[in-house]
Amino acid sequence: MEKTHQDLKKGLLPRHVQFIALAGMIGTGIFKGSSDTLNMAGPSVVIAYLIGGLLLFIVMAALGEMATAFPNMNVQHLINKAFGFQLSFIVGWLYWFNWIIVIIVEIVAAGSFLQYWFPTVPLWLLSILCASVIIGINLFQVKYYGELEFWFAGIKIITLIAFIILGALIMLGLFPSSASFSNYTEHGGFFPKGIDGMLSALLVVMFSYGGAELIGVAVTETKDSQRVIPKIIKGTVWRVILFYVLPILIICGVIPWNQVSTQVSPFVQVFGLSGLPGAADIMNFVLLTAVLSAANSGIYATSRTLFTLSQNREAPKAFLKTTKKGIPLNGIFLTTLCILAGVFLSYLYPDLILSYLMAIPGFTVLLLWISICSAQLKLRKQYTGKPGFRVKWYPYTTILAITALSIIFLAFLFNKQNFIGTTVCLVTLVIFILLSFIVKQKNRNIIPPEFY
C-alpha cells in the first residue's frame, strides 16, 4: 500500500472544524429529543441543560489544553498516550459504536421528518434515501465535506436564531397564542416531576451535547491546529449552551410542558402557532437538514476513528487504506453496513427505535468524557512546556467533572427505564474489554512492552 494512500489530508479550515462540532451537537438531541426531556422534567429541564453545559465546558477545556500541549494528536492518540493500548482500544471502539448509534438515530429522525410531507411512505424507505445522500457527501475530499458541513450547520444556527426571535415575539404577545410566563410555574410547578425527573433528563441532555469532542477527532485534518483549536473550543461551548437553553426556555413559555407533542418536534409546534404562512413546513425542512447534518458529522467521526484505531493497531490494517484524496473508504463502507442494519431495525420497530437508541449514546459519551478528563490529569506532568491554553482551577475543575460524570453514569446504569439501553451498552462494553485482551496478546510480539 502506498504511503500517500495512508494519510489523511489537512484540508479543514478553522470555520469548518467549528461548524462540524456544532453540527454534531445540534441535531436530534435538541430538535427531537427536547420533547422527551420536557416530558421527563418539565421546565426544570433547563437546569439539566445548564449542568450538562458546565460539564461540557470543563471537558472541552481539558481537550483544548491537551491539543496545545501535544499538537496533531487527536482524542484517540491522547487517551492512548495517557493509558496505553487496552483502555485506548476500549474507548476508541466505544466511541465508534456511539457514533454508529447516533447516525442511525439521526437518519431515522430524518425519515420521520420526511413523513411530515409523505405520511404514506414507510419510515425505512425514507431513511434509506437520507442515508444515500449523506454517504455520498462523505466520499468527497475532506475540504469539500467541511465546506458542505459549514453551510449545513449555518442553516441550523440561523434557524435557531430565528426561532429565538420568533419565540420572544410570541412571548411578548405580538402573535395570538397561550404563551405566558406563568407556564414556567403552572401545570405542576417548575419541577413537576421533582428533582428525579430533572436528573433523569440529564442522560438525553448528555446525548444532545455529545459531538463536541469531534473537534478533537478533526485535529489531524486541521490546518495550524495548535493555534486554532483552543479558540474554536471556547466559542463552540458558549454557542451550544446558548442554542440549547434559550430555545428550551421559549418552548416552555409558549407551550405548557405537558402539551408538548412527542410525535412532532416542539420547534414545529411553536412555528405553527405563529400563524405565518408555511412556517411549520419551513421549520420541518430545516429540521430535516439539521439531522442529516448531524448524521453527516457522524460518518466523518466513525471513518476517522477507525483510521486512528488502525494506526494504533487497534483495528484491522484495512481501515488505513485511503483514496488519493485522503478518504478512508473502508471505514465509510463499514459505517454504511451498520446504517443499513439500523434502517432494518426501523422497519421492525418504527415506533420504538428512536426512544430506545437515544439512551445508548448517552452511556458512551459519558465514558468518553470521563476518559478525556482523566487523560488530562495523567498527562499534565508530561507537558514539555507551558501550553497557551490551560484549564482554570486545575485540578479541582477536572476532578469535579469526573465525579459528576461518574455519578450521572451510575444513575444511568441503575435507572429501570433505561434497562434495554443499559443492557445493550454493558454487553457491548464487555465485548470490547474481552477483545482488548485478545488483540493485545496478538500484538505483543509487534508492539514494544512500554507501549502498554
Protein backbone atom coordinates (compact mmCIF):
# COMPACT_ATOMS: atom_id res chain seq x y z
CA MET A 1 0.00 0.00 0.00
CA GLU A 2 1.47 3.33 -0.99
CA LYS A 3 2.29 5.70 1.87
CA THR A 4 0.35 8.54 0.23
CA HIS A 5 -2.76 6.42 0.43
CA GLN A 6 -2.42 6.06 4.20
CA ASP A 7 -2.58 9.73 5.11
CA LEU A 8 -5.50 11.99 5.88
CA LYS A 9 -5.29 15.43 4.29
CA LYS A 10 -5.10 18.71 6.23
CA GLY A 11 -8.00 20.22 4.33
CA LEU A 12 -10.14 21.58 7.18
CA LEU A 13 -10.14 25.29 7.96
CA PRO A 14 -10.95 26.67 11.45
CA ARG A 15 -14.51 27.60 10.43
CA HIS A 16 -15.01 24.07 9.07
CA VAL A 17 -13.93 22.45 12.36
CA GLN A 18 -16.06 24.77 14.49
CA PHE A 19 -19.17 24.12 12.44
CA ILE A 20 -18.51 20.36 12.20
CA ALA A 21 -18.57 20.22 16.01
CA LEU A 22 -21.71 22.39 16.14
CA ALA A 23 -23.33 20.18 13.50
CA GLY A 24 -22.61 17.09 15.58
CA MET A 25 -24.24 18.62 18.65
CA ILE A 26 -27.19 20.44 17.13
CA GLY A 27 -29.32 17.63 15.77
CA THR A 28 -31.92 15.17 17.01
CA GLY A 29 -30.96 15.83 20.64
CA ILE A 30 -32.36 19.37 20.55
CA PHE A 31 -34.87 19.29 17.71
CA LYS A 32 -36.49 15.94 18.53
CA GLY A 33 -35.08 14.94 21.93
CA SER A 34 -36.22 18.20 23.56
CA SER A 35 -39.81 16.88 23.53
CA ASP A 36 -38.63 13.84 25.53
CA THR A 37 -36.67 15.88 28.07
CA LEU A 38 -39.58 18.31 28.55
CA ASN A 39 -41.95 15.43 29.22
CA MET A 40 -39.45 13.94 31.66
CA ALA A 41 -38.69 17.07 33.65
CA GLY A 42 -40.95 19.95 32.59
CA PRO A 43 -39.44 23.46 32.74
CA SER A 44 -36.72 22.26 35.15
CA VAL A 45 -35.03 20.60 32.17
CA VAL A 46 -33.34 23.98 31.66
CA ILE A 47 -31.25 23.24 34.76
CA ALA A 48 -30.27 19.88 33.27
CA TYR A 49 -29.06 21.65 30.11
CA LEU A 50 -27.09 24.15 32.21
CA ILE A 51 -25.45 21.36 34.25
CA GLY A 52 -24.62 19.49 31.05
CA GLY A 53 -23.24 22.71 29.56
CA LEU A 54 -20.95 23.29 32.55
CA LEU A 55 -19.58 19.74 32.31
CA LEU A 56 -19.17 20.18 28.56
CA PHE A 57 -17.13 23.33 29.16
CA ILE A 58 -14.72 21.55 31.53
CA VAL A 59 -14.30 18.56 29.20
CA MET A 60 -13.66 20.75 26.18
CA ALA A 61 -11.24 22.94 28.12
CA ALA A 62 -9.28 19.81 29.10
CA LEU A 63 -9.27 18.72 25.47
CA GLY A 64 -8.13 22.15 24.31
CA GLU A 65 -5.26 22.17 26.80
CA MET A 66 -4.02 18.76 25.64
CA ALA A 67 -4.39 19.77 21.98
CA THR A 68 -1.98 22.69 22.53
CA ALA A 69 0.43 20.61 24.62
CA PHE A 70 0.53 17.76 22.08
CA PRO A 71 -0.05 19.21 18.60
CA ASN A 72 -1.55 16.97 15.90
CA MET A 73 -2.70 14.32 18.40
CA ASN A 74 -6.42 13.62 18.31
CA VAL A 75 -8.59 12.31 21.17
CA GLN A 76 -7.71 8.71 20.47
CA HIS A 77 -3.96 9.42 20.40
CA LEU A 78 -4.19 11.32 23.71
CA ILE A 79 -6.03 8.52 25.53
CA ASN A 80 -3.50 6.05 24.10
CA LYS A 81 -0.61 8.20 25.33
CA ALA A 82 -2.15 8.51 28.79
CA PHE A 83 -3.35 4.98 29.47
CA GLY A 84 -1.86 2.68 26.85
CA PHE A 85 -3.26 0.14 24.49
CA GLN A 86 -6.19 -1.53 26.24
CA LEU A 87 -8.10 1.49 27.52
CA SER A 88 -7.43 3.25 24.22
CA PHE A 89 -8.83 0.22 22.39
CA ILE A 90 -11.98 0.08 24.56
CA VAL A 91 -12.69 3.82 24.46
CA GLY A 92 -11.95 4.08 20.74
CA TRP A 93 -14.31 1.30 19.77
CA LEU A 94 -16.96 2.58 22.19
CA TYR A 95 -16.70 5.98 20.53
CA TRP A 96 -17.10 4.37 17.13
CA PHE A 97 -20.13 2.45 18.43
CA ASN A 98 -21.51 5.68 19.91
CA TRP A 99 -21.45 7.46 16.57
CA ILE A 100 -22.91 4.47 14.73
CA ILE A 101 -25.95 4.69 17.04
CA VAL A 102 -26.08 8.48 16.63
CA ILE A 103 -26.02 8.17 12.83
CA ILE A 104 -28.87 5.66 12.91
CA VAL A 105 -30.88 7.90 15.26
CA GLU A 106 -30.33 10.94 13.05
CA ILE A 107 -31.20 9.08 9.84
CA VAL A 108 -34.37 7.57 11.30
CA ALA A 109 -35.29 11.03 12.63
CA ALA A 110 -34.70 12.46 9.14
CA GLY A 111 -37.04 9.82 7.74
CA SER A 112 -39.66 10.75 10.33
CA PHE A 113 -39.38 14.43 9.33
CA LEU A 114 -39.91 13.45 5.69
CA GLN A 115 -43.06 11.62 6.77
CA TYR A 116 -44.47 15.05 7.66
CA TRP A 117 -44.90 15.53 3.89
CA PHE A 118 -45.10 11.88 2.82
CA PRO A 119 -47.12 10.16 5.56
CA THR A 120 -47.90 7.07 3.47
CA VAL A 121 -44.25 6.26 2.64
CA PRO A 122 -42.65 3.72 5.03
CA LEU A 123 -40.11 5.09 7.50
CA TRP A 124 -37.43 2.60 6.44
CA LEU A 125 -37.61 3.65 2.79
CA LEU A 126 -37.29 7.36 3.62
CA SER A 127 -34.38 6.54 5.95
CA ILE A 128 -32.51 4.70 3.17
CA LEU A 129 -32.97 7.73 0.92
CA CYS A 130 -31.48 10.01 3.57
CA ALA A 131 -28.59 7.59 4.20
CA SER A 132 -27.72 7.53 0.50
CA VAL A 133 -27.39 11.32 0.44
CA ILE A 134 -25.02 11.64 3.40
CA ILE A 135 -22.87 8.66 2.41
CA GLY A 136 -22.38 10.27 -0.99
CA ILE A 137 -21.31 13.56 0.64
CA ASN A 138 -18.62 11.78 2.69
CA LEU A 139 -16.99 10.42 -0.45
CA PHE A 140 -15.87 13.95 -1.37
CA GLN A 141 -12.42 15.31 -0.49
CA VAL A 142 -12.41 16.42 3.15
CA LYS A 143 -12.26 20.15 2.36
CA TYR A 144 -15.47 19.85 0.32
CA TYR A 145 -17.09 17.86 3.11
CA GLY A 146 -16.04 20.62 5.53
CA GLU A 147 -17.50 23.29 3.26
CA LEU A 148 -20.83 21.47 2.88
CA GLU A 149 -21.00 20.89 6.62
CA PHE A 150 -20.24 24.56 7.22
CA TRP A 151 -23.34 25.56 5.24
CA PHE A 152 -25.49 22.78 6.70
CA ALA A 153 -24.60 23.90 10.22
CA GLY A 154 -25.14 27.52 9.20
CA ILE A 155 -28.75 26.73 8.26
CA LYS A 156 -29.32 25.24 11.72
CA ILE A 157 -27.78 28.18 13.53
CA ILE A 158 -29.73 30.76 11.52
CA THR A 159 -32.91 28.79 12.20
CA LEU A 160 -32.27 28.66 15.94
CA ILE A 161 -31.67 32.42 16.00
CA ALA A 162 -34.90 32.95 14.04
CA PHE A 163 -36.69 30.61 16.46
CA ILE A 164 -35.42 32.56 19.46
CA ILE A 165 -36.54 35.88 17.94
CA LEU A 166 -39.94 34.50 16.91
CA GLY A 167 -40.45 32.90 20.32
CA ALA A 168 -39.60 36.16 22.06
CA LEU A 169 -42.17 37.98 19.91
CA ILE A 170 -44.81 35.35 20.76
CA MET A 171 -44.00 35.69 24.47
CA LEU A 172 -44.41 39.46 24.18
CA GLY A 173 -47.92 38.94 22.78
CA LEU A 174 -47.27 40.05 19.21
CA PHE A 175 -48.81 36.79 17.97
CA PRO A 176 -52.06 35.30 19.31
CA SER A 177 -51.22 32.29 21.50
CA SER A 178 -51.45 30.88 25.01
CA ALA A 179 -47.86 31.94 25.72
CA SER A 180 -47.36 33.12 29.27
CA PHE A 181 -44.57 33.38 31.81
CA SER A 182 -46.91 31.50 34.15
CA ASN A 183 -46.28 28.38 32.04
CA TYR A 184 -42.96 28.08 33.87
CA THR A 185 -44.65 27.62 37.24
CA GLU A 186 -48.14 26.27 36.49
CA HIS A 187 -49.04 22.70 35.45
CA GLY A 188 -47.22 21.19 38.40
CA GLY A 189 -44.65 23.92 39.01
CA PHE A 190 -41.10 24.40 37.78
CA PHE A 191 -40.21 20.87 38.99
CA PRO A 192 -43.41 18.95 38.03
CA LYS A 193 -41.56 15.60 38.13
CA GLY A 194 -39.36 16.56 41.07
CA ILE A 195 -35.57 16.58 41.19
CA ASP A 196 -35.59 12.95 39.99
CA GLY A 197 -37.28 13.99 36.74
CA MET A 198 -34.69 16.67 36.12
CA LEU A 199 -31.83 14.25 36.82
CA SER A 200 -33.33 11.54 34.61
CA ALA A 201 -33.45 14.04 31.73
CA LEU A 202 -29.69 14.56 32.10
CA LEU A 203 -28.99 11.39 30.09
CA VAL A 204 -30.76 12.70 26.99
CA VAL A 205 -29.03 16.03 27.61
CA MET A 206 -25.64 14.28 27.58
CA PHE A 207 -26.63 12.63 24.30
CA SER A 208 -27.57 16.06 22.97
CA TYR A 209 -24.21 17.61 23.88
CA GLY A 210 -22.26 14.64 22.55
CA GLY A 211 -20.44 15.66 19.40
CA ALA A 212 -18.39 18.48 20.87
CA GLU A 213 -15.41 16.12 21.00
CA LEU A 214 -15.47 15.98 17.18
CA ILE A 215 -13.08 18.93 17.44
CA GLY A 216 -10.59 16.51 18.97
CA VAL A 217 -11.17 13.97 16.21
CA ALA A 218 -10.63 16.58 13.48
CA VAL A 219 -7.31 17.83 14.87
CA THR A 220 -5.22 15.72 12.49
CA GLU A 221 -7.00 17.23 9.47
CA THR A 222 -6.98 20.85 10.69
CA LYS A 223 -4.51 23.44 9.46
CA ASP A 224 -2.49 25.13 12.25
CA SER A 225 -4.43 23.13 14.85
CA GLN A 226 -2.30 24.15 17.85
CA ARG A 227 -3.31 27.78 17.48
CA VAL A 228 -6.91 27.50 16.32
CA ILE A 229 -8.32 24.57 18.37
CA PRO A 230 -8.43 26.41 21.77
CA LYS A 231 -10.21 29.39 20.15
CA ILE A 232 -12.71 27.09 18.46
CA ILE A 233 -13.41 25.23 21.71
CA LYS A 234 -14.12 28.44 23.67
CA GLY A 235 -16.52 29.73 21.04
CA THR A 236 -18.28 26.43 20.43
CA VAL A 237 -19.14 25.72 24.06
CA TRP A 238 -20.83 29.07 24.68
CA ARG A 239 -22.71 28.93 21.38
CA VAL A 240 -24.07 25.47 22.11
CA ILE A 241 -25.26 26.41 25.59
CA LEU A 242 -26.94 29.47 24.09
CA PHE A 243 -28.59 27.46 21.30
CA TYR A 244 -29.95 24.89 23.77
CA VAL A 245 -31.02 26.86 26.84
CA LEU A 246 -32.80 29.80 25.15
CA PRO A 247 -34.89 27.64 22.76
CA ILE A 248 -35.96 25.37 25.65
CA LEU A 249 -36.99 28.41 27.72
CA ILE A 250 -39.06 29.69 24.79
CA ILE A 251 -40.76 26.33 24.21
CA CYS A 252 -41.71 26.13 27.91
CA GLY A 253 -43.10 29.66 27.82
CA VAL A 254 -45.06 29.31 24.58
CA ILE A 255 -46.42 25.77 25.12
CA PRO A 256 -47.28 24.29 28.54
CA TRP A 257 -44.75 21.49 29.04
CA ASN A 258 -47.50 18.85 29.36
CA GLN A 259 -48.87 19.84 25.94
CA VAL A 260 -45.59 19.36 24.08
CA SER A 261 -46.15 16.63 21.48
CA THR A 262 -43.87 13.58 21.40
CA GLN A 263 -44.81 12.95 17.77
CA VAL A 264 -43.96 16.35 16.26
CA SER A 265 -40.90 18.46 17.07
CA PRO A 266 -41.75 21.24 19.57
CA PHE A 267 -39.96 23.60 17.19
CA VAL A 268 -42.54 22.82 14.50
CA GLN A 269 -45.29 23.34 17.10
CA VAL A 270 -44.03 26.80 18.03
CA PHE A 271 -43.59 27.90 14.41
CA GLY A 272 -47.10 26.61 13.69
CA LEU A 273 -48.51 28.79 16.49
CA SER A 274 -47.09 31.91 14.86
CA GLY A 275 -49.65 31.68 12.06
CA LEU A 276 -47.02 32.65 9.49
CA PRO A 277 -47.77 31.05 6.08
CA GLY A 278 -45.76 27.88 5.60
CA ALA A 279 -43.84 28.40 8.86
CA ALA A 280 -44.28 24.81 10.02
CA ASP A 281 -43.20 23.43 6.62
CA ILE A 282 -40.11 25.66 6.57
CA MET A 283 -39.19 24.56 10.08
CA ASN A 284 -39.66 20.91 9.20
CA PHE A 285 -37.32 21.35 6.23
CA VAL A 286 -34.72 22.93 8.49
CA LEU A 287 -35.08 20.07 10.98
CA LEU A 288 -34.51 17.64 8.13
CA THR A 289 -31.27 19.36 7.09
CA ALA A 290 -30.25 19.58 10.74
CA VAL A 291 -30.42 15.87 11.47
CA LEU A 292 -28.86 15.00 8.10
CA SER A 293 -26.02 17.34 9.01
CA ALA A 294 -25.52 15.62 12.38
CA ALA A 295 -25.52 12.22 10.66
CA ASN A 296 -23.03 13.60 8.16
CA SER A 297 -20.71 14.55 11.02
CA GLY A 298 -21.21 11.06 12.42
CA ILE A 299 -19.96 9.36 9.26
CA TYR A 300 -16.91 11.62 9.37
CA ALA A 301 -16.33 10.67 13.03
CA THR A 302 -16.69 6.90 12.54
CA SER A 303 -14.45 6.69 9.49
CA ARG A 304 -11.70 8.80 11.11
CA THR A 305 -11.95 6.91 14.40
CA LEU A 306 -11.45 3.62 12.55
CA PHE A 307 -8.45 5.14 10.76
CA THR A 308 -6.84 6.13 14.08
CA LEU A 309 -7.66 2.76 15.65
CA SER A 310 -5.93 1.11 12.71
CA GLN A 311 -2.89 3.38 13.13
CA ASN A 312 -2.63 2.18 16.74
CA ARG A 313 -3.07 -1.48 15.68
CA GLU A 314 -6.42 -1.49 17.49
CA ALA A 315 -8.34 -2.21 14.28
CA PRO A 316 -7.55 -4.17 11.09
CA LYS A 317 -5.00 -2.60 8.73
CA ALA A 318 -7.66 -2.43 6.03
CA PHE A 319 -9.04 0.73 7.68
CA LEU A 320 -5.75 2.54 7.00
CA LYS A 321 -6.45 2.49 3.28
CA THR A 322 -7.48 5.84 1.86
CA THR A 323 -8.21 7.15 -1.60
CA LYS A 324 -5.81 9.53 -3.35
CA LYS A 325 -7.93 12.36 -1.92
CA GLY A 326 -7.44 11.10 1.65
CA ILE A 327 -10.87 9.50 2.16
CA PRO A 328 -10.83 6.37 4.43
CA LEU A 329 -13.05 4.33 2.13
CA ASN A 330 -13.22 1.08 4.11
CA GLY A 331 -14.29 2.94 7.24
CA ILE A 332 -17.16 4.56 5.34
CA PHE A 333 -18.11 1.17 3.87
CA LEU A 334 -18.36 -0.45 7.34
CA THR A 335 -20.41 2.51 8.59
CA THR A 336 -22.75 2.06 5.61
CA LEU A 337 -23.37 -1.58 6.55
CA CYS A 338 -24.20 -0.55 10.13
CA ILE A 339 -26.59 2.14 8.86
CA LEU A 340 -28.43 -0.45 6.79
CA ALA A 341 -28.76 -2.64 9.90
CA GLY A 342 -30.21 0.35 11.79
CA VAL A 343 -32.68 1.07 8.99
CA PHE A 344 -33.76 -2.58 9.16
CA LEU A 345 -34.49 -2.07 12.88
CA SER A 346 -36.63 0.96 11.96
CA TYR A 347 -38.56 -1.37 9.66
CA LEU A 348 -39.13 -3.84 12.50
CA TYR A 349 -39.83 -1.30 15.26
CA PRO A 350 -40.76 2.04 13.64
CA ASP A 351 -42.48 3.40 16.76
CA LEU A 352 -39.85 2.38 19.33
CA ILE A 353 -36.42 2.62 17.72
CA LEU A 354 -35.77 6.31 18.43
CA SER A 355 -36.61 6.18 22.14
CA TYR A 356 -34.53 3.00 22.63
CA LEU A 357 -31.50 4.13 20.67
CA MET A 358 -31.29 7.67 22.05
CA ALA A 359 -30.36 6.37 25.52
CA ILE A 360 -27.32 4.42 24.27
CA PRO A 361 -25.10 7.33 23.09
CA GLY A 362 -25.50 8.99 26.49
CA PHE A 363 -23.72 5.98 28.00
CA THR A 364 -20.76 6.11 25.63
CA VAL A 365 -20.47 9.92 25.67
CA LEU A 366 -20.17 9.81 29.46
CA LEU A 367 -17.37 7.22 29.29
CA LEU A 368 -15.52 9.20 26.63
CA TRP A 369 -15.77 12.48 28.56
CA ILE A 370 -14.55 10.79 31.75
CA SER A 371 -11.62 9.39 29.75
CA ILE A 372 -10.74 12.84 28.33
CA CYS A 373 -10.68 14.45 31.79
CA SER A 374 -8.73 11.51 33.25
CA ALA A 375 -6.21 11.74 30.40
CA GLN A 376 -5.63 15.41 31.22
CA LEU A 377 -4.95 14.54 34.87
CA LYS A 378 -2.44 11.89 33.78
CA LEU A 379 -0.70 13.86 31.01
CA ARG A 380 -0.31 17.21 32.81
CA LYS A 381 3.03 16.05 34.22
CA GLN A 382 4.32 15.15 30.75
CA TYR A 383 3.95 18.59 29.16
CA THR A 384 7.29 19.73 27.77
CA GLY A 385 6.30 23.40 28.04
CA LYS A 386 3.52 25.57 29.39
CA PRO A 387 0.59 25.43 26.93
CA GLY A 388 -1.01 28.73 25.99
CA PHE A 389 -4.44 27.37 26.91
CA ARG A 390 -4.90 25.91 30.40
CA VAL A 391 -7.87 24.71 32.47
CA LYS A 392 -8.67 27.16 35.28
CA TRP A 393 -8.59 25.96 38.90
CA TYR A 394 -6.89 22.72 37.92
CA PRO A 395 -7.12 20.01 39.22
CA TYR A 396 -10.35 20.81 41.09
CA THR A 397 -12.44 21.54 37.97
CA THR A 398 -11.26 18.37 36.24
CA ILE A 399 -11.93 16.24 39.34
CA LEU A 400 -15.38 17.86 39.69
CA ALA A 401 -16.20 16.92 36.10
CA ILE A 402 -15.01 13.32 36.53
CA THR A 403 -17.04 12.96 39.74
CA ALA A 404 -20.23 14.47 38.30
CA LEU A 405 -19.99 12.46 35.07
CA SER A 406 -19.40 9.27 37.07
CA ILE A 407 -22.49 9.93 39.22
CA ILE A 408 -24.62 10.51 36.11
CA PHE A 409 -23.18 7.33 34.60
CA LEU A 410 -24.10 5.25 37.68
CA ALA A 411 -27.56 6.80 37.76
CA PHE A 412 -27.99 5.72 34.14
CA LEU A 413 -26.98 2.14 34.97
CA PHE A 414 -29.47 1.82 37.84
CA ASN A 415 -32.40 3.57 36.13
CA LYS A 416 -35.04 0.93 35.38
CA GLN A 417 -36.38 2.98 32.46
CA ASN A 418 -33.04 2.54 30.70
CA PHE A 419 -33.00 -1.25 31.09
CA ILE A 420 -32.75 -2.04 27.37
CA GLY A 421 -30.18 0.67 26.69
CA THR A 422 -28.15 -0.35 29.77
CA THR A 423 -28.16 -4.00 28.73
CA VAL A 424 -27.00 -3.22 25.19
CA CYS A 425 -24.28 -0.88 26.46
CA LEU A 426 -22.95 -3.27 29.12
CA VAL A 427 -22.88 -6.21 26.72
CA THR A 428 -21.05 -4.06 24.16
CA LEU A 429 -18.58 -2.86 26.82
CA VAL A 430 -17.83 -6.43 27.94
CA ILE A 431 -17.26 -7.49 24.31
CA PHE A 432 -14.77 -4.66 23.75
CA ILE A 433 -12.96 -5.44 27.03
CA LEU A 434 -12.56 -9.10 26.01
CA LEU A 435 -11.42 -8.10 22.52
CA SER A 436 -8.83 -5.71 24.02
CA PHE A 437 -7.15 -8.67 25.76
CA ILE A 438 -7.22 -10.76 22.59
CA VAL A 439 -5.83 -8.01 20.36
CA LYS A 440 -3.22 -7.02 22.97
CA GLN A 441 -1.95 -10.61 23.08
CA LYS A 442 -1.89 -10.77 19.30
CA ASN A 443 0.14 -7.56 19.06
CA ARG A 444 2.54 -8.41 21.90
CA ASN A 445 5.30 -9.52 19.55
CA ILE A 446 4.84 -6.43 17.35
CA ILE A 447 4.42 -3.57 19.83
CA PRO A 448 7.17 -2.74 22.37
CA PRO A 449 6.27 -3.60 26.03
CA GLU A 450 6.46 0.05 27.14
CA PHE A 451 3.56 0.78 24.78
CA TYR A 452 1.31 -0.97 27.27
